[in-house]
Amino acid sequence: MKYPDLSILKKVLNRARPYWLNIIGIFLLNLLAVPIALLAPIPLKIIIDNAFGNQPMPGVITLFFPGNFDFSFSVIIIIATVMMILIELVSQLQGLLSWVVQAYTGEKLVLSLRTLLF
């Protein structure tokens, strides 16, 4: 079995050299999707543990409220709802930015290769 010629791969990588920052940006944006996705179940946990249960609110959330603030059922539901909306907005923004950078970089690479070809 013959191995493919690596010179073609070297030429393509050399053509992609001006776009390394974009490629690194795409990688980092896609890497950011993992922690954002891990944040998604936290509002549900807060509703179950703190609204229906009797656990105290997490310290990260209590930092945004006065020390003697009363976390009633409706307040906890509102906090969890706002958290769900914010997490989804951040997730959608990450997806949009990733898509835009991927499309821009891909189009520039194709243009560069077509210019070389013609």
C-alpha atoms as a PDB file:
ATOM      1  CA  MET A   1       0.000   0.000   0.000  1.00  0.00           C
ATOM      2  CA  LYS A   2       1.374   3.397  -0.992  1.00  0.00           C
ATOM      3  CA  TYR A   3       1.422   6.250   1.456  1.00  0.00           C
ATOM      4  CA  PRO A   4       0.012   9.584   0.298  1.00  0.00           C
ATOM      5  CA  ASP A   5       2.436  12.293  -0.709  1.00  0.00           C
ATOM      6  CA  LEU A   6       2.974  14.616   2.256  1.00  0.00           C
ATOM      7  CA  SER A   7       4.107  17.504   0.059  1.00  0.00           C
ATOM      8  CA  ILE A   8       0.463  18.389  -0.661  1.00  0.00           C
ATOM      9  CA  LEU A   9      -0.252  18.552   3.057  1.00  0.00           C
ATOM     10  CA  LYS A  10       2.786  20.787   3.584  1.00  0.00           C
ATOM     11  CA  LYS A  11       1.577  23.147   0.855  1.00  0.00           C
ATOM     12  CA  VAL A  12      -1.887  23.391   2.374  1.00  0.00           C
ATOM     13  CA  LEU A  13      -0.440  24.046   5.836  1.00  0.00           C
ATOM     14  CA  ASN A  14       1.812  26.745   4.399  1.00  0.00           C
ATOM     15  CA  ARG A  15      -1.239  28.365   2.767  1.00  0.00           C
ATOM     16  CA  ALA A  16      -3.050  28.232   6.116  1.00  0.00           C
ATOM     17  CA  ARG A  17      -0.186  29.919   7.975  1.00  0.00           C
ATOM     18  CA  PRO A  18      -1.730  33.443   7.882  1.00  0.00           C
ATOM     19  CA  TYR A  19      -4.876  32.035   9.522  1.00  0.00           C
ATOM     20  CA  TRP A  20      -3.297  30.255  12.490  1.00  0.00           C
ATOM     21  CA  LEU A  21      -4.711  32.802  14.916  1.00  0.00           C
ATOM     22  CA  ASN A  22      -8.192  32.198  13.500  1.00  0.00           C
ATOM     23  CA  ILE A  23      -7.714  28.433  13.758  1.00  0.00           C
ATOM     24  CA  ILE A  24      -6.532  28.769  17.363  1.00  0.00           C
ATOM     25  CA  GLY A  25      -9.545  31.015  18.048  1.00  0.00           C
ATOM     26  CA  ILE A  26     -11.872  28.378  16.600  1.00  0.00           C
ATOM     27  CA  PHE A  27     -10.258  25.753  18.819  1.00  0.00           C
ATOM     28  CA  LEU A  28     -10.589  27.901  21.942  1.00  0.00           C
ATOM     29  CA  LEU A  29     -14.191  28.842  21.178  1.00  0.00           C
ATOM     30  CA  ASN A  30     -15.109  25.199  20.688  1.00  0.00           C
ATOM     31  CA  LEU A  31     -13.224  24.302  23.861  1.00  0.00           C
ATOM     32  CA  LEU A  32     -15.305  26.899  25.712  1.00  0.00           C
ATOM     33  CA  ALA A  33     -18.482  25.018  24.792  1.00  0.00           C
ATOM     34  CA  VAL A  34     -17.692  22.267  27.326  1.00  0.00           C
ATOM     35  CA  PRO A  35     -17.797  24.365  30.527  1.00  0.00           C
ATOM     36  CA  ILE A  36     -20.830  26.243  29.226  1.00  0.00           C
ATOM     37  CA  ALA A  37     -22.646  22.949  28.669  1.00  0.00           C
ATOM     38  CA  LEU A  38     -21.675  21.829  32.179  1.00  0.00           C
ATOM     39  CA  LEU A  39     -23.375  24.927  33.621  1.00  0.00           C
ATOM     40  CA  ALA A  40     -26.759  23.998  32.132  1.00  0.00           C
ATOM     41  CA  PRO A  41     -28.015  21.661  34.935  1.00  0.00           C
ATOM     42  CA  ILE A  42     -27.066  24.015  37.793  1.00  0.00           C
ATOM     43  CA  PRO A  43     -30.348  26.015  37.779  1.00  0.00           C
ATOM     44  CA  LEU A  44     -32.331  22.773  38.009  1.00  0.00           C
ATOM     45  CA  LYS A  45     -30.143  21.672  40.919  1.00  0.00           C
ATOM     46  CA  ILE A  46     -30.833  24.984  42.657  1.00  0.00           C
ATOM     47  CA  ILE A  47     -34.584  24.551  42.177  1.00  0.00           C
ATOM     48  CA  ILE A  48     -34.581  21.008  43.536  1.00  0.00           C
ATOM     49  CA  ASP A  49     -32.123  21.502  46.409  1.00  0.00           C
ATOM     50  CA  ASN A  50     -32.987  25.021  47.499  1.00  0.00           C
ATOM     51  CA  ALA A  51     -36.580  25.740  46.439  1.00  0.00           C
ATOM     52  CA  PHE A  52     -38.118  22.340  47.173  1.00  0.00           C
ATOM     53  CA  GLY A  53     -35.476  21.167  49.635  1.00  0.00           C
ATOM     54  CA  ASN A  54     -34.026  22.915  52.612  1.00  0.00           C
ATOM     55  CA  GLN A  55     -30.411  23.316  51.518  1.00  0.00           C
ATOM     56  CA  PRO A  56     -28.840  26.771  51.867  1.00  0.00           C
ATOM     57  CA  MET A  57     -28.188  28.757  48.709  1.00  0.00           C
ATOM     58  CA  PRO A  58     -24.717  28.338  47.169  1.00  0.00           C
ATOM     59  CA  GLY A  59     -22.169  30.890  48.318  1.00  0.00           C
ATOM     60  CA  VAL A  60     -21.564  32.166  44.799  1.00  0.00           C
ATOM     61  CA  ILE A  61     -25.197  33.250  44.515  1.00  0.00           C
ATOM     62  CA  THR A  62     -25.437  34.710  48.018  1.00  0.00           C
ATOM     63  CA  LEU A  63     -22.550  37.063  47.200  1.00  0.00           C
ATOM     64  CA  PHE A  64     -24.909  39.074  44.988  1.00  0.00           C
ATOM     65  CA  PHE A  65     -27.456  39.636  47.780  1.00  0.00           C
ATOM     66  CA  PRO A  66     -27.341  41.331  51.187  1.00  0.00           C
ATOM     67  CA  GLY A  67     -26.337  39.151  54.122  1.00  0.00           C
ATOM     68  CA  ASN A  68     -29.825  38.864  55.648  1.00  0.00           C
ATOM     69  CA  PHE A  69     -31.696  38.375  52.343  1.00  0.00           C
ATOM     70  CA  ASP A  70     -34.634  35.933  52.566  1.00  0.00           C
ATOM     71  CA  PHE A  71     -34.466  33.373  49.754  1.00  0.00           C
ATOM     72  CA  SER A  72     -38.132  32.430  49.450  1.00  0.00           C
ATOM     73  CA  PHE A  73     -39.479  29.866  46.978  1.00  0.00           C
ATOM     74  CA  SER A  74     -40.430  32.452  44.367  1.00  0.00           C
ATOM     75  CA  VAL A  75     -37.085  34.269  44.639  1.00  0.00           C
ATOM     76  CA  ILE A  76     -35.189  30.998  44.132  1.00  0.00           C
ATOM     77  CA  ILE A  77     -37.329  30.173  41.085  1.00  0.00           C
ATOM     78  CA  ILE A  78     -36.647  33.632  39.621  1.00  0.00           C
ATOM     79  CA  ILE A  79     -32.907  33.274  40.278  1.00  0.00           C
ATOM     80  CA  ALA A  80     -32.853  29.852  38.603  1.00  0.00           C
ATOM     81  CA  THR A  81     -34.846  31.164  35.632  1.00  0.00           C
ATOM     82  CA  VAL A  82     -32.484  34.102  35.146  1.00  0.00           C
ATOM     83  CA  MET A  83     -29.532  31.723  35.390  1.00  0.00           C
ATOM     84  CA  MET A  84     -31.063  29.446  32.732  1.00  0.00           C
ATOM     85  CA  ILE A  85     -31.579  32.399  30.399  1.00  0.00           C
ATOM     86  CA  LEU A  86     -28.048  33.729  30.943  1.00  0.00           C
ATOM     87  CA  ILE A  87     -26.450  30.322  30.416  1.00  0.00           C
ATOM     88  CA  GLU A  88     -28.412  29.816  27.202  1.00  0.00           C
ATOM     89  CA  LEU A  89     -27.497  33.305  25.961  1.00  0.00           C
ATOM     90  CA  VAL A  90     -23.804  32.636  26.602  1.00  0.00           C
ATOM     91  CA  SER A  91     -24.100  29.258  24.867  1.00  0.00           C
ATOM     92  CA  GLN A  92     -25.770  30.794  21.822  1.00  0.00           C
ATOM     93  CA  LEU A  93     -23.221  33.618  21.699  1.00  0.00           C
ATOM     94  CA  GLN A  94     -20.383  31.099  21.815  1.00  0.00           C
ATOM     95  CA  GLY A  95     -21.986  29.122  18.985  1.00  0.00           C
ATOM     96  CA  LEU A  96     -22.479  32.255  16.891  1.00  0.00           C
ATOM     97  CA  LEU A  97     -18.914  33.448  17.373  1.00  0.00           C
ATOM     98  CA  SER A  98     -17.567  29.995  16.574  1.00  0.00           C
ATOM     99  CA  TRP A  99     -19.679  29.805  13.415  1.00  0.00           C
ATOM    100  CA  VAL A 100     -18.630  33.268  12.232  1.00  0.00           C
ATOM    101  CA  VAL A 101     -14.909  32.636  12.765  1.00  0.00           C
ATOM    102  CA  GLN A 102     -15.156  29.203  11.099  1.00  0.00           C
ATOM    103  CA  ALA A 103     -16.994  30.627   8.094  1.00  0.00           C
ATOM    104  CA  TYR A 104     -14.576  33.561   7.756  1.00  0.00           C
ATOM    105  CA  THR A 105     -11.481  31.372   8.033  1.00  0.00           C
ATOM    106  CA  GLY A 106     -12.864  28.721   5.699  1.00  0.00           C
ATOM    107  CA  GLU A 107     -13.814  31.260   3.048  1.00  0.00           C
ATOM    108  CA  LYS A 108     -10.425  32.967   3.250  1.00  0.00           C
ATOM    109  CA  LEU A 109      -8.636  29.620   2.919  1.00  0.00           C
ATOM    110  CA  VAL A 110     -10.752  28.625  -0.086  1.00  0.00           C
ATOM    111  CA  LEU A 111     -10.129  32.019  -1.688  1.00  0.00           C
ATOM    112  CA  SER A 112      -6.411  31.654  -1.116  1.00  0.00           C
ATOM    113  CA  LEU A 113      -6.348  28.175  -2.649  1.00  0.00           C
ATOM    114  CA  ARG A 114      -8.481  29.256  -5.618  1.00  0.00           C
ATOM    115  CA  THR A 115      -6.225  32.247  -6.223  1.00  0.00           C
ATOM    116  CA  LEU A 116      -3.227  29.955  -6.275  1.00  0.00           C
ATOM    117  CA  LEU A 117      -4.988  27.557  -8.617  1.00  0.00           C
ATOM    118  CA  PHE A 118      -6.146  30.150 -11.139  1.00  0.00           C
END
